[in-house]
Amino acid sequence: MNSYVDGLKKLLREQDFDTLEEAQAFVDRYMAKVNDTPVDDFLGLTPSMMYRFLYFPFDSPDLVVFPETVNDSGSAPVARLFGLIAAAAGPNGLKSTAKGNLPRNFCRETAVEFFGPVEYAERTSFGGINREEDFEELNVVRHLAEITGLLRKYKGRFILTRKYKQLLSEKGEGAVYPFLLKGYVKEFNWGYMDGYPKLRILQSSFLFTLCAVKKFGDKPRSNEFYESLYLKAFPMVLEEVPKDFFMPPETLFRSCYSLRMLKRFMVFFGLAMAEEKKDNKFSRDFTISSTSLLSEAVRFKM
């Protein structure tokens, strides 16, 4: 953007205006042209389009549409876990613990069904699931379901709300996933339990990464590839990283982006698949590729 400002200054020096109004009109025309010029670092989006991505992601139907129902969300981790909670709650509700959490036996049984016996054994080899917080994915979905008003606690039990039942009645089961998706983006705290700085711009710029994975996700690409795309578009994000943190700003940001944006959003919502490096289980490197659900749940119009 600095190059555009420098260009404007140069052009202004070359002009001869009779009035302030003429000068302002010239600047307005110049900026309108700039805002409608594609930017390579924005994946070819214009500044005007990026503005809509950041501030009006759900109200820009000329750029992107989020259908109210989807039919292919059953395999998405978030949908699977919500379905298990809803099934356990049923018509009579699911008894909560004294602290208001999901019961331990339900958490354990759900973890076995969700991960499968082999992965469950690996995940619990250094500590079992003794409370809801030990199963982070389930804990997130329970909070998300409450935040979005689909689940609530009543007289010591988790019950499905009227809003949930009305949603099913009016639009069917396919409406639950889009409802959770919008709630996760607009209302849920993406920094929940991850220990990183706030970096709020990550959450507000979710649509940029959706667009990037839609554009490049036809084949597996590294998490570093998407981290770098993001940093090209939003280099100022590094200014939000505290200088006294435990690692250099860019290293910390890349780690946070891969966790929050790629794994806990894209993969958790079934919009992308991640494949870990098999030769080194302690590596933070993995590849990302798009899924069919991405095309169904997020329809870009550009």
C-alpha atoms as a PDB file:
ATOM      1  CA  MET A   1       0.000   0.000   0.000  1.00  0.00           C
ATOM      2  CA  ASN A   2       2.960   2.332   0.589  1.00  0.00           C
ATOM      3  CA  SER A   3       3.816   2.104  -3.101  1.00  0.00           C
ATOM      4  CA  TYR A   4       0.341   3.392  -3.958  1.00  0.00           C
ATOM      5  CA  VAL A   5       0.747   6.306  -1.567  1.00  0.00           C
ATOM      6  CA  ASP A   6       4.127   7.153  -3.074  1.00  0.00           C
ATOM      7  CA  GLY A   7       2.583   6.975  -6.538  1.00  0.00           C
ATOM      8  CA  LEU A   8      -0.196   9.325  -5.491  1.00  0.00           C
ATOM      9  CA  LYS A   9       2.319  11.839  -4.093  1.00  0.00           C
ATOM     10  CA  LYS A  10       4.243  11.767  -7.364  1.00  0.00           C
ATOM     11  CA  LEU A  11       1.089  12.302  -9.420  1.00  0.00           C
ATOM     12  CA  LEU A  12      -0.033  15.170  -7.209  1.00  0.00           C
ATOM     13  CA  ARG A  13       3.281  16.931  -7.715  1.00  0.00           C
ATOM     14  CA  GLU A  14       2.712  16.706 -11.467  1.00  0.00           C
ATOM     15  CA  GLN A  15      -0.801  18.190 -11.364  1.00  0.00           C
ATOM     16  CA  ASP A  16      -1.968  21.781 -11.294  1.00  0.00           C
ATOM     17  CA  PHE A  17      -5.276  22.217  -9.462  1.00  0.00           C
ATOM     18  CA  ASP A  18      -7.261  25.436  -9.315  1.00  0.00           C
ATOM     19  CA  THR A  19      -9.276  24.457  -6.276  1.00  0.00           C
ATOM     20  CA  LEU A  20      -9.099  22.120  -3.296  1.00  0.00           C
ATOM     21  CA  GLU A  21     -12.211  20.361  -4.599  1.00  0.00           C
ATOM     22  CA  GLU A  22     -10.427  19.469  -7.841  1.00  0.00           C
ATOM     23  CA  ALA A  23      -7.502  18.011  -5.906  1.00  0.00           C
ATOM     24  CA  GLN A  24      -9.846  15.976  -3.689  1.00  0.00           C
ATOM     25  CA  ALA A  25     -11.712  14.652  -6.733  1.00  0.00           C
ATOM     26  CA  PHE A  26      -8.395  13.563  -8.251  1.00  0.00           C
ATOM     27  CA  VAL A  27      -7.389  11.747  -5.077  1.00  0.00           C
ATOM     28  CA  ASP A  28     -10.791  10.066  -4.858  1.00  0.00           C
ATOM     29  CA  ARG A  29     -10.530   8.777  -8.441  1.00  0.00           C
ATOM     30  CA  TYR A  30      -7.003   7.516  -7.802  1.00  0.00           C
ATOM     31  CA  MET A  31      -7.970   5.675  -4.603  1.00  0.00           C
ATOM     32  CA  ALA A  32     -11.042   4.168  -6.248  1.00  0.00           C
ATOM     33  CA  LYS A  33      -8.778   2.754  -8.947  1.00  0.00           C
ATOM     34  CA  VAL A  34      -6.323   1.439  -6.351  1.00  0.00           C
ATOM     35  CA  ASN A  35      -9.088  -0.230  -4.345  1.00  0.00           C
ATOM     36  CA  ASP A  36     -10.296  -2.035  -7.464  1.00  0.00           C
ATOM     37  CA  THR A  37      -6.838  -3.202  -8.596  1.00  0.00           C
ATOM     38  CA  PRO A  38      -5.950  -6.862  -7.861  1.00  0.00           C
ATOM     39  CA  VAL A  39      -3.045  -7.357  -5.455  1.00  0.00           C
ATOM     40  CA  ASP A  40      -0.795 -10.400  -5.876  1.00  0.00           C
ATOM     41  CA  ASP A  41      -0.195 -10.719  -2.116  1.00  0.00           C
ATOM     42  CA  PHE A  42      -3.988 -10.821  -1.631  1.00  0.00           C
ATOM     43  CA  LEU A  43      -4.306 -13.870  -3.917  1.00  0.00           C
ATOM     44  CA  GLY A  44      -5.435 -11.550  -6.682  1.00  0.00           C
ATOM     45  CA  LEU A  45      -8.154  -9.972  -4.543  1.00  0.00           C
ATOM     46  CA  THR A  46      -8.560  -6.217  -4.659  1.00  0.00           C
ATOM     47  CA  PRO A  47      -8.258  -4.073  -1.494  1.00  0.00           C
ATOM     48  CA  SER A  48     -12.027  -3.506  -1.671  1.00  0.00           C
ATOM     49  CA  MET A  49     -12.655  -7.257  -1.748  1.00  0.00           C
ATOM     50  CA  MET A  50     -10.243  -7.850   1.122  1.00  0.00           C
ATOM     51  CA  TYR A  51     -12.063  -5.206   3.145  1.00  0.00           C
ATOM     52  CA  ARG A  52     -15.303  -7.135   2.615  1.00  0.00           C
ATOM     53  CA  PHE A  53     -13.554 -10.396   3.543  1.00  0.00           C
ATOM     54  CA  LEU A  54     -12.382  -8.931   6.842  1.00  0.00           C
ATOM     55  CA  TYR A  55     -15.401  -6.947   7.966  1.00  0.00           C
ATOM     56  CA  PHE A  56     -18.423  -8.398   6.171  1.00  0.00           C
ATOM     57  CA  PRO A  57     -17.641 -12.069   5.480  1.00  0.00           C
ATOM     58  CA  PHE A  58     -21.250 -13.190   5.860  1.00  0.00           C
ATOM     59  CA  ASP A  59     -22.775 -10.166   4.139  1.00  0.00           C
ATOM     60  CA  SER A  60     -20.953 -10.113   0.808  1.00  0.00           C
ATOM     61  CA  PRO A  61     -23.009 -12.399  -1.462  1.00  0.00           C
ATOM     62  CA  ASP A  62     -21.289 -11.010  -4.553  1.00  0.00           C
ATOM     63  CA  LEU A  63     -18.014 -12.488  -3.217  1.00  0.00           C
ATOM     64  CA  VAL A  64     -18.946 -15.495  -1.102  1.00  0.00           C
ATOM     65  CA  VAL A  65     -22.056 -17.325   0.069  1.00  0.00           C
ATOM     66  CA  PHE A  66     -22.444 -19.616   3.091  1.00  0.00           C
ATOM     67  CA  PRO A  67     -25.419 -21.904   2.328  1.00  0.00           C
ATOM     68  CA  GLU A  68     -27.850 -22.372   5.207  1.00  0.00           C
ATOM     69  CA  THR A  69     -27.777 -26.144   4.773  1.00  0.00           C
ATOM     70  CA  VAL A  70     -25.098 -28.619   3.691  1.00  0.00           C
ATOM     71  CA  ASN A  71     -25.408 -32.351   3.069  1.00  0.00           C
ATOM     72  CA  ASP A  72     -21.776 -33.451   3.332  1.00  0.00           C
ATOM     73  CA  SER A  73     -20.808 -32.434   6.861  1.00  0.00           C
ATOM     74  CA  GLY A  74     -21.224 -35.772   8.645  1.00  0.00           C
ATOM     75  CA  SER A  75     -17.520 -36.610   8.616  1.00  0.00           C
ATOM     76  CA  ALA A  76     -16.397 -33.209   9.930  1.00  0.00           C
ATOM     77  CA  PRO A  77     -15.036 -33.670  13.479  1.00  0.00           C
ATOM     78  CA  VAL A  78     -17.130 -30.794  14.844  1.00  0.00           C
ATOM     79  CA  ALA A  79     -20.309 -32.288  13.373  1.00  0.00           C
ATOM     80  CA  ARG A  80     -19.512 -35.789  14.625  1.00  0.00           C
ATOM     81  CA  LEU A  81     -18.932 -34.586  18.177  1.00  0.00           C
ATOM     82  CA  PHE A  82     -22.015 -32.407  18.248  1.00  0.00           C
ATOM     83  CA  GLY A  83     -24.024 -35.345  16.938  1.00  0.00           C
ATOM     84  CA  LEU A  84     -22.769 -37.546  19.775  1.00  0.00           C
ATOM     85  CA  ILE A  85     -23.665 -34.889  22.354  1.00  0.00           C
ATOM     86  CA  ALA A  86     -27.117 -34.426  20.824  1.00  0.00           C
ATOM     87  CA  ALA A  87     -27.733 -38.176  20.736  1.00  0.00           C
ATOM     88  CA  ALA A  88     -26.709 -38.542  24.391  1.00  0.00           C
ATOM     89  CA  ALA A  89     -28.877 -35.610  25.454  1.00  0.00           C
ATOM     90  CA  GLY A  90     -31.900 -36.937  23.567  1.00  0.00           C
ATOM     91  CA  PRO A  91     -35.323 -35.930  24.846  1.00  0.00           C
ATOM     92  CA  ASN A  92     -34.429 -36.261  28.547  1.00  0.00           C
ATOM     93  CA  GLY A  93     -31.085 -34.491  28.682  1.00  0.00           C
ATOM     94  CA  LEU A  94     -27.630 -35.609  29.804  1.00  0.00           C
ATOM     95  CA  LYS A  95     -26.707 -35.279  33.476  1.00  0.00           C
ATOM     96  CA  SER A  96     -23.871 -32.822  34.104  1.00  0.00           C
ATOM     97  CA  THR A  97     -21.175 -33.066  36.749  1.00  0.00           C
ATOM     98  CA  ALA A  98     -21.288 -30.963  39.903  1.00  0.00           C
ATOM     99  CA  LYS A  99     -19.018 -28.446  38.136  1.00  0.00           C
ATOM    100  CA  GLY A 100     -21.336 -28.263  35.146  1.00  0.00           C
ATOM    101  CA  ASN A 101     -19.276 -30.352  32.720  1.00  0.00           C
ATOM    102  CA  LEU A 102     -20.058 -33.398  30.627  1.00  0.00           C
ATOM    103  CA  PRO A 103     -19.877 -36.632  32.679  1.00  0.00           C
ATOM    104  CA  ARG A 104     -16.616 -38.598  32.692  1.00  0.00           C
ATOM    105  CA  ASN A 105     -18.023 -41.861  31.342  1.00  0.00           C
ATOM    106  CA  PHE A 106     -19.659 -40.061  28.428  1.00  0.00           C
ATOM    107  CA  CYS A 107     -16.361 -38.296  27.637  1.00  0.00           C
ATOM    108  CA  ARG A 108     -14.466 -41.588  27.654  1.00  0.00           C
ATOM    109  CA  GLU A 109     -17.012 -43.457  25.564  1.00  0.00           C
ATOM    110  CA  THR A 110     -17.220 -40.589  23.101  1.00  0.00           C
ATOM    111  CA  ALA A 111     -13.430 -40.442  22.809  1.00  0.00           C
ATOM    112  CA  VAL A 112     -13.233 -44.156  21.964  1.00  0.00           C
ATOM    113  CA  GLU A 113     -15.916 -43.769  19.304  1.00  0.00           C
ATOM    114  CA  PHE A 114     -14.436 -40.549  17.934  1.00  0.00           C
ATOM    115  CA  PHE A 115     -10.765 -41.588  17.767  1.00  0.00           C
ATOM    116  CA  GLY A 116     -11.141 -45.348  17.472  1.00  0.00           C
ATOM    117  CA  PRO A 117      -9.578 -47.817  19.937  1.00  0.00           C
ATOM    118  CA  VAL A 118      -6.015 -47.592  18.584  1.00  0.00           C
ATOM    119  CA  GLU A 119      -5.719 -43.796  18.518  1.00  0.00           C
ATOM    120  CA  TYR A 120      -7.578 -43.556  21.809  1.00  0.00           C
ATOM    121  CA  ALA A 121      -4.997 -45.847  23.414  1.00  0.00           C
ATOM    122  CA  GLU A 122      -2.163 -43.731  22.008  1.00  0.00           C
ATOM    123  CA  ARG A 123      -3.713 -40.479  23.192  1.00  0.00           C
ATOM    124  CA  THR A 124      -4.312 -41.755  26.709  1.00  0.00           C
ATOM    125  CA  SER A 125      -0.994 -43.609  27.129  1.00  0.00           C
ATOM    126  CA  PHE A 126       0.362 -40.817  29.363  1.00  0.00           C
ATOM    127  CA  GLY A 127      -2.912 -39.897  31.048  1.00  0.00           C
ATOM    128  CA  GLY A 128      -6.524 -40.925  30.737  1.00  0.00           C
ATOM    129  CA  ILE A 129      -9.679 -38.889  30.200  1.00  0.00           C
ATOM    130  CA  ASN A 130     -10.840 -38.111  33.715  1.00  0.00           C
ATOM    131  CA  ARG A 131     -12.776 -34.952  32.985  1.00  0.00           C
ATOM    132  CA  GLU A 132     -14.191 -33.042  30.028  1.00  0.00           C
ATOM    133  CA  GLU A 133     -11.127 -30.775  29.688  1.00  0.00           C
ATOM    134  CA  ASP A 134      -8.981 -33.852  29.013  1.00  0.00           C
ATOM    135  CA  PHE A 135     -10.852 -34.275  25.722  1.00  0.00           C
ATOM    136  CA  GLU A 136     -10.223 -30.834  24.233  1.00  0.00           C
ATOM    137  CA  GLU A 137     -12.190 -31.316  21.024  1.00  0.00           C
ATOM    138  CA  LEU A 138     -15.316 -32.356  22.919  1.00  0.00           C
ATOM    139  CA  ASN A 139     -14.860 -29.507  25.383  1.00  0.00           C
ATOM    140  CA  VAL A 140     -14.723 -27.013  22.502  1.00  0.00           C
ATOM    141  CA  VAL A 141     -17.863 -28.392  20.870  1.00  0.00           C
ATOM    142  CA  ARG A 142     -19.800 -28.361  24.137  1.00  0.00           C
ATOM    143  CA  HIS A 143     -18.896 -24.709  24.710  1.00  0.00           C
ATOM    144  CA  LEU A 144     -19.662 -23.865  21.073  1.00  0.00           C
ATOM    145  CA  ALA A 145     -23.059 -25.547  21.286  1.00  0.00           C
ATOM    146  CA  GLU A 146     -23.886 -23.474  24.364  1.00  0.00           C
ATOM    147  CA  ILE A 147     -22.564 -20.233  22.869  1.00  0.00           C
ATOM    148  CA  THR A 148     -24.673 -20.705  19.744  1.00  0.00           C
ATOM    149  CA  GLY A 149     -27.755 -21.545  21.805  1.00  0.00           C
ATOM    150  CA  LEU A 150     -28.185 -25.150  20.632  1.00  0.00           C
ATOM    151  CA  LEU A 151     -27.456 -26.645  24.058  1.00  0.00           C
ATOM    152  CA  ARG A 152     -27.963 -25.415  27.598  1.00  0.00           C
ATOM    153  CA  LYS A 153     -27.848 -26.596  31.186  1.00  0.00           C
ATOM    154  CA  TYR A 154     -31.155 -26.886  33.012  1.00  0.00           C
ATOM    155  CA  LYS A 155     -31.612 -28.371  36.484  1.00  0.00           C
ATOM    156  CA  GLY A 156     -28.311 -30.227  36.349  1.00  0.00           C
ATOM    157  CA  ARG A 157     -28.739 -31.633  32.849  1.00  0.00           C
ATOM    158  CA  PHE A 158     -27.578 -30.680  29.371  1.00  0.00           C
ATOM    159  CA  ILE A 159     -30.640 -30.291  27.170  1.00  0.00           C
ATOM    160  CA  LEU A 160     -31.162 -29.490  23.510  1.00  0.00           C
ATOM    161  CA  THR A 161     -32.807 -26.092  23.172  1.00  0.00           C
ATOM    162  CA  ARG A 162     -35.896 -24.864  21.400  1.00  0.00           C
ATOM    163  CA  LYS A 163     -33.585 -23.096  18.959  1.00  0.00           C
ATOM    164  CA  TYR A 164     -32.004 -26.428  18.026  1.00  0.00           C
ATOM    165  CA  LYS A 165     -35.361 -28.133  17.618  1.00  0.00           C
ATOM    166  CA  GLN A 166     -36.704 -25.224  15.567  1.00  0.00           C
ATOM    167  CA  LEU A 167     -33.617 -25.330  13.360  1.00  0.00           C
ATOM    168  CA  LEU A 168     -34.200 -29.030  12.681  1.00  0.00           C
ATOM    169  CA  SER A 169     -37.907 -28.523  12.102  1.00  0.00           C
ATOM    170  CA  GLU A 170     -37.496 -25.640   9.651  1.00  0.00           C
ATOM    171  CA  LYS A 171     -34.320 -26.566   7.790  1.00  0.00           C
ATOM    172  CA  GLY A 172     -33.358 -30.121   8.713  1.00  0.00           C
ATOM    173  CA  GLU A 173     -30.146 -31.618  10.107  1.00  0.00           C
ATOM    174  CA  GLY A 174     -28.119 -30.050   7.303  1.00  0.00           C
ATOM    175  CA  ALA A 175     -28.592 -26.638   8.924  1.00  0.00           C
ATOM    176  CA  VAL A 176     -26.695 -27.506  12.111  1.00  0.00           C
ATOM    177  CA  TYR A 177     -23.207 -27.468  10.594  1.00  0.00           C
ATOM    178  CA  PRO A 178     -23.496 -23.978   9.005  1.00  0.00           C
ATOM    179  CA  PHE A 179     -24.905 -22.712  12.288  1.00  0.00           C
ATOM    180  CA  LEU A 180     -21.900 -24.062  14.200  1.00  0.00           C
ATOM    181  CA  LEU A 181     -19.488 -22.750  11.571  1.00  0.00           C
ATOM    182  CA  LYS A 182     -20.844 -19.219  11.767  1.00  0.00           C
ATOM    183  CA  GLY A 183     -20.901 -19.353  15.566  1.00  0.00           C
ATOM    184  CA  TYR A 184     -17.294 -20.538  15.720  1.00  0.00           C
ATOM    185  CA  VAL A 185     -16.128 -17.691  13.505  1.00  0.00           C
ATOM    186  CA  LYS A 186     -18.239 -14.922  15.038  1.00  0.00           C
ATOM    187  CA  GLU A 187     -18.559 -15.844  18.712  1.00  0.00           C
ATOM    188  CA  PHE A 188     -16.073 -18.475  19.863  1.00  0.00           C
ATOM    189  CA  ASN A 189     -12.694 -17.433  21.305  1.00  0.00           C
ATOM    190  CA  TRP A 190     -10.104 -18.998  19.016  1.00  0.00           C
ATOM    191  CA  GLY A 191      -7.412 -18.535  21.620  1.00  0.00           C
ATOM    192  CA  TYR A 192      -9.269 -20.766  24.078  1.00  0.00           C
ATOM    193  CA  MET A 193      -6.795 -22.988  25.947  1.00  0.00           C
ATOM    194  CA  ASP A 194      -3.933 -22.663  23.430  1.00  0.00           C
ATOM    195  CA  GLY A 195      -1.503 -20.411  25.333  1.00  0.00           C
ATOM    196  CA  TYR A 196      -0.699 -18.105  22.416  1.00  0.00           C
ATOM    197  CA  PRO A 197      -1.200 -14.305  22.332  1.00  0.00           C
ATOM    198  CA  LYS A 198      -4.649 -13.041  21.315  1.00  0.00           C
ATOM    199  CA  LEU A 199      -3.827 -12.286  17.636  1.00  0.00           C
ATOM    200  CA  ARG A 200      -7.471 -11.427  16.945  1.00  0.00           C
ATOM    201  CA  ILE A 201      -6.784 -10.689  13.283  1.00  0.00           C
ATOM    202  CA  LEU A 202      -6.454 -14.441  12.681  1.00  0.00           C
ATOM    203  CA  GLN A 203     -10.107 -14.999  13.463  1.00  0.00           C
ATOM    204  CA  SER A 204     -11.363 -11.980  11.533  1.00  0.00           C
ATOM    205  CA  SER A 205      -9.359 -12.999   8.462  1.00  0.00           C
ATOM    206  CA  PHE A 206     -10.577 -16.613   8.320  1.00  0.00           C
ATOM    207  CA  LEU A 207     -12.036 -16.075   4.862  1.00  0.00           C
ATOM    208  CA  PHE A 208      -8.611 -15.368   3.377  1.00  0.00           C
ATOM    209  CA  THR A 209      -7.370 -18.817   4.366  1.00  0.00           C
ATOM    210  CA  LEU A 210     -10.575 -20.435   3.117  1.00  0.00           C
ATOM    211  CA  CYS A 211      -9.945 -18.729  -0.209  1.00  0.00           C
ATOM    212  CA  ALA A 212      -6.283 -19.828  -0.217  1.00  0.00           C
ATOM    213  CA  VAL A 213      -7.111 -23.481   0.463  1.00  0.00           C
ATOM    214  CA  LYS A 214      -9.871 -23.345  -2.142  1.00  0.00           C
ATOM    215  CA  LYS A 215      -7.350 -22.003  -4.666  1.00  0.00           C
ATOM    216  CA  PHE A 216      -4.352 -24.208  -3.847  1.00  0.00           C
ATOM    217  CA  GLY A 217      -5.800 -27.157  -1.951  1.00  0.00           C
ATOM    218  CA  ASP A 218      -6.330 -29.424  -4.953  1.00  0.00           C
ATOM    219  CA  LYS A 219      -3.044 -31.051  -3.991  1.00  0.00           C
ATOM    220  CA  PRO A 220      -1.323 -31.351  -0.601  1.00  0.00           C
ATOM    221  CA  ARG A 221       0.763 -28.333   0.346  1.00  0.00           C
ATOM    222  CA  SER A 222       2.728 -27.716   3.518  1.00  0.00           C
ATOM    223  CA  ASN A 223       1.452 -25.749   6.453  1.00  0.00           C
ATOM    224  CA  GLU A 224       4.438 -23.453   5.881  1.00  0.00           C
ATOM    225  CA  PHE A 225       3.077 -22.660   2.421  1.00  0.00           C
ATOM    226  CA  TYR A 226      -0.167 -21.313   3.899  1.00  0.00           C
ATOM    227  CA  GLU A 227       1.641 -19.577   6.752  1.00  0.00           C
ATOM    228  CA  SER A 228       3.764 -17.704   4.203  1.00  0.00           C
ATOM    229  CA  LEU A 229       0.744 -16.751   2.087  1.00  0.00           C
ATOM    230  CA  TYR A 230      -0.861 -15.277   5.167  1.00  0.00           C
ATOM    231  CA  LEU A 231       2.239 -13.323   6.175  1.00  0.00           C
ATOM    232  CA  LYS A 232       2.500 -11.825   2.702  1.00  0.00           C
ATOM    233  CA  ALA A 233      -1.074 -10.582   2.958  1.00  0.00           C
ATOM    234  CA  PHE A 234      -0.935  -9.519   6.616  1.00  0.00           C
ATOM    235  CA  PRO A 235       2.686  -8.767   7.579  1.00  0.00           C
ATOM    236  CA  MET A 236       1.439  -6.410  10.291  1.00  0.00           C
ATOM    237  CA  VAL A 237       0.255  -9.411  12.336  1.00  0.00           C
ATOM    238  CA  LEU A 238       3.797  -9.801  13.657  1.00  0.00           C
ATOM    239  CA  GLU A 239       3.409  -6.444  15.414  1.00  0.00           C
ATOM    240  CA  GLU A 240       0.718  -8.042  17.603  1.00  0.00           C
ATOM    241  CA  VAL A 241       3.159 -10.643  18.955  1.00  0.00           C
ATOM    242  CA  PRO A 242       4.613  -9.617  22.338  1.00  0.00           C
ATOM    243  CA  LYS A 243       8.367  -9.090  22.068  1.00  0.00           C
ATOM    244  CA  ASP A 244       8.990 -10.805  25.409  1.00  0.00           C
ATOM    245  CA  PHE A 245       7.370 -14.089  24.394  1.00  0.00           C
ATOM    246  CA  PHE A 246       9.305 -17.361  24.466  1.00  0.00           C
ATOM    247  CA  MET A 247      10.162 -17.475  20.737  1.00  0.00           C
ATOM    248  CA  PRO A 248      10.780 -15.042  17.847  1.00  0.00           C
ATOM    249  CA  PRO A 249       7.582 -13.309  16.602  1.00  0.00           C
ATOM    250  CA  GLU A 250       7.482 -14.999  13.197  1.00  0.00           C
ATOM    251  CA  THR A 251       8.167 -18.457  14.632  1.00  0.00           C
ATOM    252  CA  LEU A 252       5.451 -17.983  17.218  1.00  0.00           C
ATOM    253  CA  PHE A 253       2.967 -16.675  14.667  1.00  0.00           C
ATOM    254  CA  ARG A 254       3.561 -19.568  12.281  1.00  0.00           C
ATOM    255  CA  SER A 255       3.011 -22.068  15.085  1.00  0.00           C
ATOM    256  CA  CYS A 256      -0.159 -20.280  16.214  1.00  0.00           C
ATOM    257  CA  TYR A 257      -1.522 -20.009  12.658  1.00  0.00           C
ATOM    258  CA  SER A 258      -1.022 -23.701  11.954  1.00  0.00           C
ATOM    259  CA  LEU A 259      -2.777 -24.662  15.172  1.00  0.00           C
ATOM    260  CA  ARG A 260      -5.651 -22.164  15.245  1.00  0.00           C
ATOM    261  CA  MET A 261      -6.390 -21.639  11.592  1.00  0.00           C
ATOM    262  CA  LEU A 262      -5.376 -24.874   9.902  1.00  0.00           C
ATOM    263  CA  LYS A 263      -5.952 -27.581  12.517  1.00  0.00           C
ATOM    264  CA  ARG A 264      -8.554 -26.162  14.896  1.00  0.00           C
ATOM    265  CA  PHE A 265     -10.601 -24.450  12.196  1.00  0.00           C
ATOM    266  CA  MET A 266     -10.019 -25.854   8.713  1.00  0.00           C
ATOM    267  CA  VAL A 267      -9.459 -29.487   9.704  1.00  0.00           C
ATOM    268  CA  PHE A 268     -11.800 -29.514  12.699  1.00  0.00           C
ATOM    269  CA  PHE A 269     -14.634 -28.250  10.512  1.00  0.00           C
ATOM    270  CA  GLY A 270     -13.838 -30.737   7.764  1.00  0.00           C
ATOM    271  CA  LEU A 271     -12.891 -28.025   5.261  1.00  0.00           C
ATOM    272  CA  ALA A 272      -9.386 -29.432   4.834  1.00  0.00           C
ATOM    273  CA  MET A 273      -7.447 -32.618   5.498  1.00  0.00           C
ATOM    274  CA  ALA A 274      -4.104 -32.677   7.288  1.00  0.00           C
ATOM    275  CA  GLU A 275      -1.443 -35.325   6.857  1.00  0.00           C
ATOM    276  CA  GLU A 276       1.289 -35.406   9.462  1.00  0.00           C
ATOM    277  CA  LYS A 277       4.912 -36.211   8.706  1.00  0.00           C
ATOM    278  CA  LYS A 278       5.175 -39.927   9.386  1.00  0.00           C
ATOM    279  CA  ASP A 279       8.965 -40.000   9.714  1.00  0.00           C
ATOM    280  CA  ASN A 280       8.990 -37.619  12.676  1.00  0.00           C
ATOM    281  CA  LYS A 281       6.014 -37.564  15.018  1.00  0.00           C
ATOM    282  CA  PHE A 282       7.497 -34.616  16.917  1.00  0.00           C
ATOM    283  CA  SER A 283       7.665 -32.411  13.809  1.00  0.00           C
ATOM    284  CA  ARG A 284       5.227 -29.494  13.474  1.00  0.00           C
ATOM    285  CA  ASP A 285       5.159 -29.983   9.705  1.00  0.00           C
ATOM    286  CA  PHE A 286       2.111 -31.335   7.917  1.00  0.00           C
ATOM    287  CA  THR A 287       0.332 -30.949   4.609  1.00  0.00           C
ATOM    288  CA  ILE A 288      -3.089 -29.481   3.934  1.00  0.00           C
ATOM    289  CA  SER A 289      -5.492 -30.273   1.110  1.00  0.00           C
ATOM    290  CA  SER A 290      -9.075 -29.205   0.510  1.00  0.00           C
ATOM    291  CA  THR A 291     -12.173 -31.372   0.926  1.00  0.00           C
ATOM    292  CA  SER A 292     -15.466 -31.543  -0.940  1.00  0.00           C
ATOM    293  CA  LEU A 293     -17.130 -29.951   2.078  1.00  0.00           C
ATOM    294  CA  LEU A 294     -15.192 -26.726   1.472  1.00  0.00           C
ATOM    295  CA  SER A 295     -16.898 -26.295  -1.905  1.00  0.00           C
ATOM    296  CA  GLU A 296     -20.307 -27.078  -0.450  1.00  0.00           C
ATOM    297  CA  ALA A 297     -20.114 -25.016   2.743  1.00  0.00           C
ATOM    298  CA  VAL A 298     -18.314 -21.964   1.314  1.00  0.00           C
ATOM    299  CA  ARG A 299     -19.178 -20.873  -2.222  1.00  0.00           C
ATOM    300  CA  PHE A 300     -16.881 -18.228  -3.651  1.00  0.00           C
ATOM    301  CA  LYS A 301     -18.292 -16.093  -6.452  1.00  0.00           C
ATOM    302  CA  MET A 302     -15.113 -14.383  -7.691  1.00  0.00           C
END
